PDB file of N, CA and C in Angstrom:
ATOM      1  N   MET A   1      15.991  -7.229  -6.556  1.00  0.00           N
ATOM      2  CA  MET A   1      15.167  -7.129  -5.483  1.00  0.00           C
ATOM      3  C   MET A   1      14.494  -5.054  -6.017  1.00  0.00           C
ATOM      4  N   SER A   2      13.371  -5.337  -5.559  1.00  0.00           N
ATOM      5  CA  SER A   2      12.887  -3.861  -5.664  1.00  0.00           C
ATOM      6  C   SER A   2      12.536  -3.141  -4.722  1.00  0.00           C
ATOM      7  N   HIS A   3      12.818  -1.708  -4.643  1.00  0.00           N
ATOM      8  CA  HIS A   3      12.298  -1.290  -3.255  1.00  0.00           C
ATOM      9  C   HIS A   3      10.946  -0.801  -3.733  1.00  0.00           C
ATOM     10  N   TYR A   4      10.230  -1.190  -2.005  1.00  0.00           N
ATOM     11  CA  TYR A   4       8.567  -0.569  -2.671  1.00  0.00           C
ATOM     12  C   TYR A   4       8.977   0.127  -0.937  1.00  0.00           C
ATOM     13  N   VAL A   5       7.533   1.810  -1.078  1.00  0.00           N
ATOM     14  CA  VAL A   5       7.361   2.373  -0.569  1.00  0.00           C
ATOM     15  C   VAL A   5       5.841   2.043  -0.078  1.00  0.00           C
ATOM     16  N   LEU A   6       5.070   2.130   1.328  1.00  0.00           N
ATOM     17  CA  LEU A   6       3.201   1.958   1.347  1.00  0.00           C
ATOM     18  C   LEU A   6       3.062   2.539   2.411  1.00  0.00           C
ATOM     19  N   HIS A   7       2.045   3.848   1.393  1.00  0.00           N
ATOM     20  CA  HIS A   7       1.242   4.799   2.057  1.00  0.00           C
ATOM     21  C   HIS A   7       0.435   4.290   2.483  1.00  0.00           C
ATOM     22  N   SER A   8      -0.134   4.449   4.382  1.00  0.00           N
ATOM     23  CA  SER A   8      -1.097   3.790   4.847  1.00  0.00           C
ATOM     24  C   SER A   8      -1.968   4.971   5.743  1.00  0.00           C
ATOM     25  N   TRP A   9      -3.327   4.388   5.785  1.00  0.00           N
ATOM     26  CA  TRP A   9      -4.332   5.331   6.135  1.00  0.00           C
ATOM     27  C   TRP A   9      -5.477   5.160   6.296  1.00  0.00           C
ATOM     28  N   ASP A  10      -6.628   5.792   7.660  1.00  0.00           N
ATOM     29  CA  ASP A  10      -7.593   6.090   7.627  1.00  0.00           C
ATOM     30  C   ASP A  10      -7.969   6.507   6.890  1.00  0.00           C
ATOM     31  N   GLN A  11      -9.972   6.640   7.273  1.00  0.00           N
ATOM     32  CA  GLN A  11     -10.416   7.221   6.835  1.00  0.00           C
ATOM     33  C   GLN A  11     -10.941   8.042   7.183  1.00  0.00           C
ATOM     34  N   ARG A  12     -11.063   7.427   8.197  1.00  0.00           N
ATOM     35  CA  ARG A  12     -11.255   8.374  10.036  1.00  0.00           C
ATOM     36  C   ARG A  12      -9.797   9.396   9.905  1.00  0.00           C
ATOM     37  N   SER A  13      -8.737   9.768  10.060  1.00  0.00           N
ATOM     38  CA  SER A  13      -7.811  10.152  10.082  1.00  0.00           C
ATOM     39  C   SER A  13      -7.068  10.717   8.762  1.00  0.00           C
ATOM     40  N   ALA A  14      -6.585  11.427   9.067  1.00  0.00           N
ATOM     41  CA  ALA A  14      -5.632  12.922   7.796  1.00  0.00           C
ATOM     42  C   ALA A  14      -4.034  12.035   7.813  1.00  0.00           C
ATOM     43  N   ALA A  15      -3.908  11.076   9.425  1.00  0.00           N
ATOM     44  CA  ALA A  15      -2.062  10.952   9.311  1.00  0.00           C
ATOM     45  C   ALA A  15      -2.178   9.840   8.482  1.00  0.00           C
ATOM     46  N   ARG A  16      -0.894   9.533   7.696  1.00  0.00           N
ATOM     47  CA  ARG A  16      -0.716   9.449   7.183  1.00  0.00           C
ATOM     48  C   ARG A  16       0.736   7.867   7.313  1.00  0.00           C
ATOM     49  N   GLU A  17       0.184   6.967   7.128  1.00  0.00           N
ATOM     50  CA  GLU A  17       2.125   6.668   7.809  1.00  0.00           C
ATOM     51  C   GLU A  17       3.094   5.612   6.359  1.00  0.00           C
ATOM     52  N   GLU A  18       4.280   5.608   6.165  1.00  0.00           N
ATOM     53  CA  GLU A  18       5.084   5.091   5.346  1.00  0.00           C
ATOM     54  C   GLU A  18       5.679   4.252   6.031  1.00  0.00           C
ATOM     55  N   ILE A  19       5.286   3.461   5.453  1.00  0.00           N
ATOM     56  CA  ILE A  19       6.983   2.233   5.489  1.00  0.00           C
ATOM     57  C   ILE A  19       7.372   1.687   4.449  1.00  0.00           C
ATOM     58  N   ALA A  20       8.756   1.458   4.273  1.00  0.00           N
ATOM     59  CA  ALA A  20       9.517   1.470   2.871  1.00  0.00           C
ATOM     60  C   ALA A  20      10.286   0.024   3.237  1.00  0.00           C
ATOM     61  N   PHE A  21      10.378  -1.393   1.982  1.00  0.00           N
ATOM     62  CA  PHE A  21      10.730  -2.695   1.825  1.00  0.00           C
ATOM     63  C   PHE A  21      11.188  -2.984   1.456  1.00  0.00           C
ATOM     64  N   ASP A  22      12.096  -4.151   1.457  1.00  0.00           N
ATOM     65  CA  ASP A  22      12.622  -5.038  -0.017  1.00  0.00           C
ATOM     66  C   ASP A  22      11.061  -5.615  -0.247  1.00  0.00           C
ATOM     67  N   SER A  23      11.611  -5.867  -1.680  1.00  0.00           N
ATOM     68  CA  SER A  23      11.177  -7.689  -2.290  1.00  0.00           C
ATOM     69  C   SER A  23      11.807  -7.379  -3.567  1.00  0.00           C
ATOM     70  N   VAL A  24      12.026  -9.050  -3.466  1.00  0.00           N
ATOM     71  CA  VAL A  24      11.895  -9.265  -5.111  1.00  0.00           C
ATOM     72  C   VAL A  24      10.519  -9.682  -6.132  1.00  0.00           C
ATOM     73  N   SER A  25       9.820  -9.604  -5.918  1.00  0.00           N
ATOM     74  CA  SER A  25       8.745 -10.196  -6.488  1.00  0.00           C
ATOM     75  C   SER A  25       7.142  -8.866  -6.112  1.00  0.00           C
ATOM     76  N   ILE A  26       7.071  -8.669  -6.982  1.00  0.00           N
ATOM     77  CA  ILE A  26       5.495  -7.527  -6.700  1.00  0.00           C
ATOM     78  C   ILE A  26       4.322  -8.901  -5.700  1.00  0.00           C
ATOM     79  N   ALA A  27       4.057  -9.919  -5.852  1.00  0.00           N
ATOM     80  CA  ALA A  27       3.555 -10.384  -5.432  1.00  0.00           C
ATOM     81  C   ALA A  27       3.617 -10.991  -3.546  1.00  0.00           C
ATOM     82  N   GLY A  28       5.060 -10.700  -3.637  1.00  0.00           N
ATOM     83  CA  GLY A  28       5.781 -11.227  -2.195  1.00  0.00           C
ATOM     84  C   GLY A  28       5.650  -9.218  -1.467  1.00  0.00           C
ATOM     85  N   ALA A  29       5.861  -8.528  -2.849  1.00  0.00           N
ATOM     86  CA  ALA A  29       5.380  -6.743  -1.740  1.00  0.00           C
ATOM     87  C   ALA A  29       3.930  -6.602  -1.754  1.00  0.00           C
ATOM     88  N   LEU A  30       3.030  -7.511  -2.173  1.00  0.00           N
ATOM     89  CA  LEU A  30       1.343  -7.454  -2.007  1.00  0.00           C
ATOM     90  C   LEU A  30       1.640  -7.662  -1.074  1.00  0.00           C
ATOM     91  N   ASP A  31       2.201  -9.332  -0.644  1.00  0.00           N
ATOM     92  CA  ASP A  31       1.163 -10.209   0.621  1.00  0.00           C
ATOM     93  C   ASP A  31       2.358  -9.016   1.896  1.00  0.00           C
ATOM     94  N   LYS A  32       3.535  -8.416   1.327  1.00  0.00           N
ATOM     95  CA  LYS A  32       4.223  -7.925   2.957  1.00  0.00           C
ATOM     96  C   LYS A  32       3.106  -6.088   3.368  1.00  0.00           C
ATOM     97  N   ALA A  33       2.735  -5.815   1.899  1.00  0.00           N
ATOM     98  CA  ALA A  33       1.727  -4.889   2.759  1.00  0.00           C
ATOM     99  C   ALA A  33       0.542  -4.888   3.232  1.00  0.00           C
ATOM    100  N   LYS A  34       0.101  -5.487   2.229  1.00  0.00           N
ATOM    101  CA  LYS A  34      -0.984  -6.348   3.199  1.00  0.00           C
ATOM    102  C   LYS A  34      -1.015  -6.751   4.842  1.00  0.00           C
ATOM    103  N   LYS A  35       0.293  -7.018   4.777  1.00  0.00           N
ATOM    104  CA  LYS A  35       0.508  -6.988   6.983  1.00  0.00           C
ATOM    105  C   LYS A  35       1.219  -6.048   7.378  1.00  0.00           C
ATOM    106  N   VAL A  36       1.479  -5.057   6.494  1.00  0.00           N
ATOM    107  CA  VAL A  36       2.163  -3.805   7.101  1.00  0.00           C
ATOM    108  C   VAL A  36       1.224  -2.685   7.377  1.00  0.00           C
ATOM    109  N   ALA A  37       0.331  -3.184   6.328  1.00  0.00           N
ATOM    110  CA  ALA A  37      -0.619  -1.979   6.774  1.00  0.00           C
ATOM    111  C   ALA A  37      -1.536  -1.288   7.393  1.00  0.00           C
ATOM    112  N   ARG A  38      -1.533  -0.174   8.267  1.00  0.00           N
ATOM    113  CA  ARG A  38      -2.066  -0.078   9.339  1.00  0.00           C
ATOM    114  C   ARG A  38      -3.604   1.654   8.596  1.00  0.00           C
ATOM    115  N   GLY A  39      -4.392   0.994   8.956  1.00  0.00           N
ATOM    116  CA  GLY A  39      -5.527   1.848   8.638  1.00  0.00           C
ATOM    117  C   GLY A  39      -6.399   1.238   7.351  1.00  0.00           C
ATOM    118  N   THR A  40      -7.833   1.372   6.424  1.00  0.00           N
ATOM    119  CA  THR A  40      -8.049   0.731   5.622  1.00  0.00           C
ATOM    120  C   THR A  40      -7.987   1.240   4.629  1.00  0.00           C
ATOM    121  N   LYS A  41      -7.162   2.004   4.736  1.00  0.00           N
ATOM    122  CA  LYS A  41      -6.683   2.452   2.376  1.00  0.00           C
ATOM    123  C   LYS A  41      -4.769   2.428   2.473  1.00  0.00           C
ATOM    124  N   ALA A  42      -4.913   1.742   1.756  1.00  0.00           N
ATOM    125  CA  ALA A  42      -3.788   2.463   1.215  1.00  0.00           C
ATOM    126  C   ALA A  42      -3.258   2.648   0.184  1.00  0.00           C
ATOM    127  N   ASP A  43      -1.608   2.695  -0.785  1.00  0.00           N
ATOM    128  CA  ASP A  43      -1.112   3.289  -1.664  1.00  0.00           C
ATOM    129  C   ASP A  43       0.397   2.495  -2.175  1.00  0.00           C
ATOM    130  N   LEU A  44       0.403   1.635  -3.093  1.00  0.00           N
ATOM    131  CA  LEU A  44       2.037   1.201  -2.724  1.00  0.00           C
ATOM    132  C   LEU A  44       1.989   1.711  -3.869  1.00  0.00           C
ATOM    133  N   TYR A  45       4.219   1.458  -3.734  1.00  0.00           N
ATOM    134  CA  TYR A  45       5.211   2.271  -4.645  1.00  0.00           C
ATOM    135  C   TYR A  45       6.303   1.210  -5.465  1.00  0.00           C
ATOM    136  N   GLU A  46       6.436   1.085  -6.340  1.00  0.00           N
ATOM    137  CA  GLU A  46       7.947   0.742  -6.768  1.00  0.00           C
ATOM    138  C   GLU A  46       8.819   1.418  -7.085  1.00  0.00           C
ATOM    139  N   ASN A  47       9.662   1.897  -6.648  1.00  0.00           N
ATOM    140  CA  ASN A  47      11.305   2.199  -7.043  1.00  0.00           C
ATOM    141  C   ASN A  47      10.610   3.268  -7.832  1.00  0.00           C
ATOM    142  N   GLY A  48       9.620   4.058  -6.775  1.00  0.00           N
ATOM    143  CA  GLY A  48       9.423   6.088  -6.929  1.00  0.00           C
ATOM    144  C   GLY A  48       7.622   5.642  -8.286  1.00  0.00           C
ATOM    145  N   ARG A  49       7.411   4.037  -8.189  1.00  0.00           N
ATOM    146  CA  ARG A  49       6.174   4.943  -9.305  1.00  0.00           C
ATOM    147  C   ARG A  49       4.929   4.402  -8.366  1.00  0.00           C
ATOM    148  N   PRO A  50       3.970   4.389  -8.875  1.00  0.00           N
ATOM    149  CA  PRO A  50       3.075   3.883  -8.369  1.00  0.00           C
ATOM    150  C   PRO A  50       2.129   2.659  -9.127  1.00  0.00           C
ATOM    151  N   VAL A  51       1.827   2.101  -7.929  1.00  0.00           N
ATOM    152  CA  VAL A  51       1.109   0.412  -8.693  1.00  0.00           C
ATOM    153  C   VAL A  51       0.331   0.588  -8.567  1.00  0.00           C
ATOM    154  N   CYS A  52      -0.056   0.257  -7.111  1.00  0.00           N
ATOM    155  CA  CYS A  52      -1.597   0.301  -6.818  1.00  0.00           C
ATOM    156  C   CYS A  52      -2.413   0.713  -6.011  1.00  0.00           C
ATOM    157  N   SER A  53      -3.211   0.797  -6.088  1.00  0.00           N
ATOM    158  CA  SER A  53      -4.312   1.386  -4.632  1.00  0.00           C
ATOM    159  C   SER A  53      -4.454  -0.104  -3.692  1.00  0.00           C
ATOM    160  N   MET A  54      -5.738   0.485  -3.148  1.00  0.00           N
ATOM    161  CA  MET A  54      -5.861  -1.098  -1.975  1.00  0.00           C
ATOM    162  C   MET A  54      -6.792  -0.475  -0.517  1.00  0.00           C
ATOM    163  N   GLU A  55      -8.160  -0.727  -1.081  1.00  0.00           N
ATOM    164  CA  GLU A  55      -8.945  -0.921   0.817  1.00  0.00           C
ATOM    165  C   GLU A  55      -9.227  -1.438   1.169  1.00  0.00           C
ATOM    166  N   LEU A  56      -9.743  -1.702   2.234  1.00  0.00           N
ATOM    167  CA  LEU A  56      -9.455  -3.355   3.344  1.00  0.00           C
ATOM    168  C   LEU A  56     -11.140  -3.066   3.505  1.00  0.00           C
ATOM    169  N   VAL A  57     -11.716  -3.472   2.634  1.00  0.00           N
ATOM    170  CA  VAL A  57     -12.972  -4.444   2.533  1.00  0.00           C
ATOM    171  C   VAL A  57     -14.006  -4.730   4.689  1.00  0.00           C
ATOM    172  N   GLY A  58     -14.317  -4.138   4.633  1.00  0.00           N
ATOM    173  CA  GLY A  58     -15.094  -4.499   6.230  1.00  0.00           C
ATOM    174  C   GLY A  58     -14.158  -5.050   7.065  1.00  0.00           C
ATOM    175  N   LYS A  59     -14.787  -5.994   8.256  1.00  0.00           N
ATOM    176  CA  LYS A  59     -13.649  -6.105   8.848  1.00  0.00           C
ATOM    177  C   LYS A  59     -13.713  -8.259   8.535  1.00  0.00           C
ATOM    178  N   THR A  60     -13.751  -8.474   7.213  1.00  0.00           N
ATOM    179  CA  THR A  60     -13.048  -9.213   6.960  1.00  0.00           C
ATOM    180  C   THR A  60     -11.508  -9.978   6.418  1.00  0.00           C
ATOM    181  N   GLY A  61     -10.262  -8.434   6.740  1.00  0.00           N
ATOM    182  CA  GLY A  61      -9.364  -8.674   6.194  1.00  0.00           C
ATOM    183  C   GLY A  61      -9.026  -9.026   4.907  1.00  0.00           C
ATOM    184  N   VAL A  62      -9.632  -9.105   4.336  1.00  0.00           N
ATOM    185  CA  VAL A  62      -9.485  -8.938   2.837  1.00  0.00           C
ATOM    186  C   VAL A  62      -9.413  -7.498   2.423  1.00  0.00           C
ATOM    187  N   TRP A  63      -8.288  -7.894   1.927  1.00  0.00           N
ATOM    188  CA  TRP A  63      -8.404  -6.233   0.760  1.00  0.00           C
ATOM    189  C   TRP A  63      -8.442  -6.418  -0.319  1.00  0.00           C
ATOM    190  N   LEU A  64      -8.760  -5.171  -0.934  1.00  0.00           N
ATOM    191  CA  LEU A  64      -9.476  -4.832  -2.514  1.00  0.00           C
ATOM    192  C   LEU A  64      -8.283  -4.464  -3.574  1.00  0.00           C
ATOM    193  N   ILE A  65      -7.450  -4.839  -4.387  1.00  0.00           N
ATOM    194  CA  ILE A  65      -6.283  -4.176  -5.111  1.00  0.00           C
ATOM    195  C   ILE A  65      -7.426  -3.638  -5.802  1.00  0.00           C
ATOM    196  N   GLY A  66      -6.352  -2.035  -6.064  1.00  0.00           N
ATOM    197  CA  GLY A  66      -7.083  -1.419  -7.634  1.00  0.00           C
ATOM    198  C   GLY A  66      -6.658  -1.012  -8.556  1.00  0.00           C
ATOM    199  N   LYS A  67      -6.350   0.372  -9.497  1.00  0.00           N
ATOM    200  CA  LYS A  67      -5.739   0.421  -9.961  1.00  0.00           C
ATOM    201  C   LYS A  67      -5.126   2.000  -9.010  1.00  0.00           C
ATOM    202  N   PRO A  68      -3.529   1.667  -9.950  1.00  0.00           N
ATOM    203  CA  PRO A  68      -3.123   3.306  -8.717  1.00  0.00           C
ATOM    204  C   PRO A  68      -3.662   4.191  -8.981  1.00  0.00           C
ATOM    205  N   ASN A  69      -3.814   5.564  -7.044  1.00  0.00           N
ATOM    206  CA  ASN A  69      -4.419   6.806  -7.729  1.00  0.00           C
ATOM    207  C   ASN A  69      -3.707   7.398  -8.600  1.00  0.00           C
ATOM    208  N   GLU A  70      -3.749   8.812  -8.631  1.00  0.00           N
ATOM    209  CA  GLU A  70      -3.323   9.876 -10.001  1.00  0.00           C
ATOM    210  C   GLU A  70      -2.460   9.802  -9.040  1.00  0.00           C
ATOM    211  N   SER A  71      -2.719  10.785  -7.823  1.00  0.00           N
ATOM    212  CA  SER A  71      -0.942  10.901  -7.294  1.00  0.00           C
ATOM    213  C   SER A  71       0.071  10.893  -7.471  1.00  0.00           C
ATOM    214  N   THR A  72       0.998  11.092  -7.715  1.00  0.00           N
ATOM    215  CA  THR A  72       3.005  10.460  -7.314  1.00  0.00           C
ATOM    216  C   THR A  72       3.258  10.135  -5.985  1.00  0.00           C
ATOM    217  N   GLU A  73       4.254   9.986  -5.991  1.00  0.00           N
ATOM    218  CA  GLU A  73       5.180   9.599  -4.314  1.00  0.00           C
ATOM    219  C   GLU A  73       5.959  11.062  -4.542  1.00  0.00           C
ATOM    220  N   ASP A  74       5.595  11.541  -3.404  1.00  0.00           N
ATOM    221  CA  ASP A  74       6.913  12.740  -2.928  1.00  0.00           C
ATOM    222  C   ASP A  74       7.800  12.258  -2.808  1.00  0.00           C
TER     223      ASP A  74
END
């Protein structure tokens, strides 16, 4: 089981929310991240390493998954 941290935020706000959770797979972690993310953008980390960036596409509820951002988790 791996430890994941999700940093999520909204483009209109500088405030970030951090949510930590465990998952047995990356697929499970992505499902959880999509459900708990607050805002329209997010970065997902696995055991302290960046996994991917996420962006909510409009009001469809679909998340666009992209390469990790250059910055690393503090």
